[in-house]
Amino acid sequence: MAELNPLEVIEECIEKAKATTDSDLVAHILAETLATLQIDNSEDDALHMLGTAIAETARKDPGHGALLLAVWTQLEQQRQHP
C-alpha cells in the first residue's frame, strides 16, 4: 500500500466539499478525511492540518469556502461540547 500523502488527502477533501452545497455531504466528507488522516497522524494533528487548510480555503475563496468553514466550525463545537 502506498504511503498516505496528507496534503493530497486534504486537497481532495476541500475540492469535493467546495463542489457541493449540501452541508450533510460536506460533514460526511470531512469525517472521512479526518478518519483517513488519523491512519498516520494523531487526532489532534489531523484536526489541526485539516482545520488550517479549511481556514486558508475560506480566506482565499470565501464564495466556495463559506459552507466548508461553517460545517467545520459546527463540527469543532460539537467535538468540544459533546
N, C-alpha and C. Protein backbone atom coordinates (compact mmCIF):
# COMPACT_ATOMS: atom_id res chain seq x y z
N MET A 1 0.84 -1.19 0.00
CA MET A 1 0.00 0.00 0.00
C MET A 1 0.88 1.24 0.00
N ALA A 2 0.53 2.20 -0.82
CA ALA A 2 1.31 3.44 -0.92
C ALA A 2 1.15 4.27 0.35
N GLU A 3 2.20 5.01 0.64
CA GLU A 3 2.15 5.87 1.82
C GLU A 3 1.16 7.01 1.58
N LEU A 4 0.45 7.34 2.62
CA LEU A 4 -0.58 8.38 2.57
C LEU A 4 0.07 9.76 2.51
N ASN A 5 -0.37 10.58 1.58
CA ASN A 5 0.12 11.96 1.49
C ASN A 5 -0.97 12.86 2.04
N PRO A 6 -0.78 13.38 3.27
CA PRO A 6 -1.83 14.18 3.90
C PRO A 6 -2.26 15.40 3.08
N LEU A 7 -1.32 16.02 2.39
CA LEU A 7 -1.67 17.20 1.60
C LEU A 7 -2.61 16.84 0.45
N GLU A 8 -2.37 15.69 -0.18
CA GLU A 8 -3.26 15.26 -1.25
C GLU A 8 -4.64 14.89 -0.72
N VAL A 9 -4.67 14.23 0.44
CA VAL A 9 -5.95 13.86 1.06
C VAL A 9 -6.75 15.12 1.39
N ILE A 10 -6.10 16.11 1.96
CA ILE A 10 -6.77 17.35 2.33
C ILE A 10 -7.23 18.11 1.09
N GLU A 11 -6.38 18.17 0.08
CA GLU A 11 -6.75 18.87 -1.16
C GLU A 11 -7.98 18.23 -1.80
N GLU A 12 -8.00 16.90 -1.84
CA GLU A 12 -9.15 16.19 -2.42
C GLU A 12 -10.41 16.47 -1.61
N CYS A 13 -10.29 16.47 -0.29
CA CYS A 13 -11.42 16.77 0.59
C CYS A 13 -11.99 18.15 0.30
N ILE A 14 -11.13 19.12 0.23
CA ILE A 14 -11.57 20.50 0.02
C ILE A 14 -12.24 20.66 -1.34
N GLU A 15 -11.68 20.05 -2.36
CA GLU A 15 -12.28 20.14 -3.68
C GLU A 15 -13.66 19.49 -3.71
N LYS A 16 -13.80 18.33 -3.08
CA LYS A 16 -15.11 17.67 -3.01
C LYS A 16 -16.11 18.53 -2.25
N ALA A 17 -15.67 19.10 -1.13
CA ALA A 17 -16.56 19.90 -0.29
C ALA A 17 -16.98 21.19 -0.99
N LYS A 18 -16.07 21.79 -1.74
CA LYS A 18 -16.39 23.02 -2.46
C LYS A 18 -17.36 22.77 -3.61
N ALA A 19 -17.47 21.53 -4.04
CA ALA A 19 -18.31 21.20 -5.20
C ALA A 19 -19.77 20.95 -4.84
N THR A 20 -20.12 21.08 -3.56
CA THR A 20 -21.50 20.82 -3.15
C THR A 20 -22.01 21.94 -2.25
N THR A 21 -23.32 22.03 -2.17
CA THR A 21 -23.95 22.98 -1.24
C THR A 21 -24.72 22.23 -0.16
N ASP A 22 -24.54 20.92 -0.10
CA ASP A 22 -25.21 20.07 0.88
C ASP A 22 -24.34 19.97 2.14
N SER A 23 -24.76 20.60 3.21
CA SER A 23 -23.95 20.63 4.43
C SER A 23 -23.77 19.23 5.03
N ASP A 24 -24.75 18.35 4.88
CA ASP A 24 -24.60 16.98 5.37
C ASP A 24 -23.51 16.24 4.60
N LEU A 25 -23.47 16.45 3.30
CA LEU A 25 -22.44 15.82 2.48
C LEU A 25 -21.06 16.38 2.85
N VAL A 26 -20.97 17.67 3.07
CA VAL A 26 -19.70 18.28 3.48
C VAL A 26 -19.25 17.68 4.82
N ALA A 27 -20.15 17.53 5.75
CA ALA A 27 -19.82 16.93 7.05
C ALA A 27 -19.31 15.50 6.87
N HIS A 28 -19.93 14.76 5.97
CA HIS A 28 -19.50 13.38 5.69
C HIS A 28 -18.10 13.37 5.08
N ILE A 29 -17.86 14.26 4.15
CA ILE A 29 -16.55 14.36 3.51
C ILE A 29 -15.48 14.69 4.54
N LEU A 30 -15.78 15.62 5.43
CA LEU A 30 -14.83 16.00 6.47
C LEU A 30 -14.55 14.84 7.43
N ALA A 31 -15.59 14.12 7.81
CA ALA A 31 -15.42 12.98 8.72
C ALA A 31 -14.56 11.90 8.07
N GLU A 32 -14.80 11.61 6.81
CA GLU A 32 -13.99 10.61 6.10
C GLU A 32 -12.54 11.05 6.02
N THR A 33 -12.33 12.32 5.75
CA THR A 33 -10.97 12.84 5.63
C THR A 33 -10.24 12.76 6.97
N LEU A 34 -10.92 13.13 8.03
CA LEU A 34 -10.30 13.03 9.36
C LEU A 34 -9.92 11.58 9.68
N ALA A 35 -10.80 10.66 9.36
CA ALA A 35 -10.51 9.24 9.61
C ALA A 35 -9.29 8.80 8.80
N THR A 36 -9.21 9.22 7.57
CA THR A 36 -8.07 8.87 6.73
C THR A 36 -6.78 9.47 7.26
N LEU A 37 -6.83 10.74 7.65
CA LEU A 37 -5.63 11.40 8.18
C LEU A 37 -5.15 10.76 9.48
N GLN A 38 -6.08 10.21 10.25
CA GLN A 38 -5.71 9.61 11.53
C GLN A 38 -5.05 8.25 11.38
N ILE A 39 -4.97 7.74 10.17
CA ILE A 39 -4.25 6.48 9.94
C ILE A 39 -2.77 6.68 10.28
N ASP A 40 -2.21 7.81 9.88
CA ASP A 40 -0.78 8.07 10.09
C ASP A 40 -0.50 9.23 11.04
N ASN A 41 -1.55 9.84 11.61
CA ASN A 41 -1.38 11.01 12.47
C ASN A 41 -2.27 10.89 13.69
N SER A 42 -1.94 11.64 14.72
CA SER A 42 -2.80 11.68 15.90
C SER A 42 -4.08 12.45 15.56
N GLU A 43 -5.09 12.29 16.38
CA GLU A 43 -6.34 13.00 16.16
C GLU A 43 -6.10 14.51 16.18
N ASP A 44 -5.32 14.98 17.14
CA ASP A 44 -5.04 16.42 17.23
C ASP A 44 -4.32 16.93 15.99
N ASP A 45 -3.33 16.17 15.50
CA ASP A 45 -2.61 16.58 14.30
C ASP A 45 -3.53 16.61 13.08
N ALA A 46 -4.38 15.59 12.96
CA ALA A 46 -5.31 15.54 11.83
C ALA A 46 -6.26 16.73 11.87
N LEU A 47 -6.80 17.01 13.05
CA LEU A 47 -7.70 18.15 13.19
C LEU A 47 -7.00 19.46 12.86
N HIS A 48 -5.78 19.61 13.32
CA HIS A 48 -5.03 20.84 13.06
C HIS A 48 -4.74 21.01 11.57
N MET A 49 -4.27 19.94 10.92
CA MET A 49 -3.95 20.02 9.49
C MET A 49 -5.18 20.38 8.67
N LEU A 50 -6.28 19.68 8.92
CA LEU A 50 -7.49 19.93 8.15
C LEU A 50 -8.08 21.29 8.48
N GLY A 51 -8.11 21.65 9.74
CA GLY A 51 -8.64 22.96 10.14
C GLY A 51 -7.87 24.12 9.54
N THR A 52 -6.56 24.00 9.51
CA THR A 52 -5.72 25.04 8.92
C THR A 52 -6.01 25.18 7.43
N ALA A 53 -6.13 24.06 6.74
CA ALA A 53 -6.42 24.09 5.30
C ALA A 53 -7.80 24.68 5.02
N ILE A 54 -8.76 24.36 5.85
CA ILE A 54 -10.12 24.89 5.68
C ILE A 54 -10.14 26.40 5.91
N ALA A 55 -9.46 26.85 6.94
CA ALA A 55 -9.40 28.29 7.22
C ALA A 55 -8.75 29.03 6.06
N GLU A 56 -7.69 28.46 5.51
CA GLU A 56 -7.00 29.07 4.38
C GLU A 56 -7.90 29.10 3.14
N THR A 57 -8.63 28.03 2.92
CA THR A 57 -9.55 27.97 1.78
C THR A 57 -10.63 29.03 1.93
N ALA A 58 -11.19 29.16 3.11
CA ALA A 58 -12.24 30.16 3.35
C ALA A 58 -11.70 31.58 3.16
N ARG A 59 -10.45 31.78 3.53
CA ARG A 59 -9.85 33.11 3.37
C ARG A 59 -9.60 33.42 1.88
N LYS A 60 -9.09 32.44 1.15
CA LYS A 60 -8.75 32.66 -0.25
C LYS A 60 -9.96 32.64 -1.18
N ASP A 61 -10.95 31.84 -0.84
CA ASP A 61 -12.11 31.64 -1.72
C ASP A 61 -13.39 31.66 -0.88
N PRO A 62 -13.78 32.85 -0.39
CA PRO A 62 -14.94 32.93 0.51
C PRO A 62 -16.23 32.38 -0.10
N GLY A 63 -16.40 32.51 -1.38
CA GLY A 63 -17.62 32.03 -2.02
C GLY A 63 -17.78 30.53 -1.91
N HIS A 64 -16.70 29.80 -2.17
CA HIS A 64 -16.76 28.34 -2.11
C HIS A 64 -16.38 27.80 -0.73
N GLY A 65 -15.67 28.59 0.05
CA GLY A 65 -15.20 28.11 1.34
C GLY A 65 -16.11 28.40 2.51
N ALA A 66 -17.14 29.21 2.30
CA ALA A 66 -18.01 29.62 3.42
C ALA A 66 -18.75 28.43 4.03
N LEU A 67 -19.36 27.60 3.21
CA LEU A 67 -20.08 26.43 3.73
C LEU A 67 -19.11 25.47 4.39
N LEU A 68 -17.99 25.25 3.77
CA LEU A 68 -16.97 24.37 4.33
C LEU A 68 -16.55 24.84 5.71
N LEU A 69 -16.29 26.12 5.85
CA LEU A 69 -15.89 26.68 7.15
C LEU A 69 -17.04 26.59 8.15
N ALA A 70 -18.24 26.83 7.72
CA ALA A 70 -19.40 26.76 8.63
C ALA A 70 -19.59 25.35 9.17
N VAL A 71 -19.49 24.36 8.30
CA VAL A 71 -19.65 22.97 8.73
C VAL A 71 -18.49 22.58 9.64
N TRP A 72 -17.28 22.98 9.29
CA TRP A 72 -16.11 22.68 10.12
C TRP A 72 -16.27 23.29 11.51
N THR A 73 -16.71 24.53 11.57
CA THR A 73 -16.90 25.21 12.85
C THR A 73 -17.94 24.47 13.69
N GLN A 74 -19.01 24.04 13.07
CA GLN A 74 -20.05 23.30 13.78
C GLN A 74 -19.50 21.97 14.30
N LEU A 75 -18.72 21.27 13.49
CA LEU A 75 -18.13 20.01 13.93
C LEU A 75 -17.15 20.22 15.09
N GLU A 76 -16.37 21.29 15.03
CA GLU A 76 -15.45 21.60 16.13
C GLU A 76 -16.21 21.88 17.42
N GLN A 77 -17.31 22.62 17.32
CA GLN A 77 -18.12 22.93 18.50
C GLN A 77 -18.72 21.67 19.09
N GLN A 78 -19.19 20.77 18.24
CA GLN A 78 -19.75 19.51 18.71
C GLN A 78 -18.69 18.66 19.40
N ARG A 79 -17.49 18.69 18.86
CA ARG A 79 -16.38 17.92 19.43
C ARG A 79 -16.00 18.47 20.80
N GLN A 80 -16.02 19.76 20.96
CA GLN A 80 -15.64 20.39 22.23
C GLN A 80 -16.73 20.28 23.28
N HIS A 81 -17.98 20.21 22.85
CA HIS A 81 -19.12 20.15 23.76
C HIS A 81 -20.06 19.02 23.37
N PRO A 82 -19.65 17.78 23.62
CA PRO A 82 -20.48 16.64 23.18
C PRO A 82 -21.83 16.57 23.88
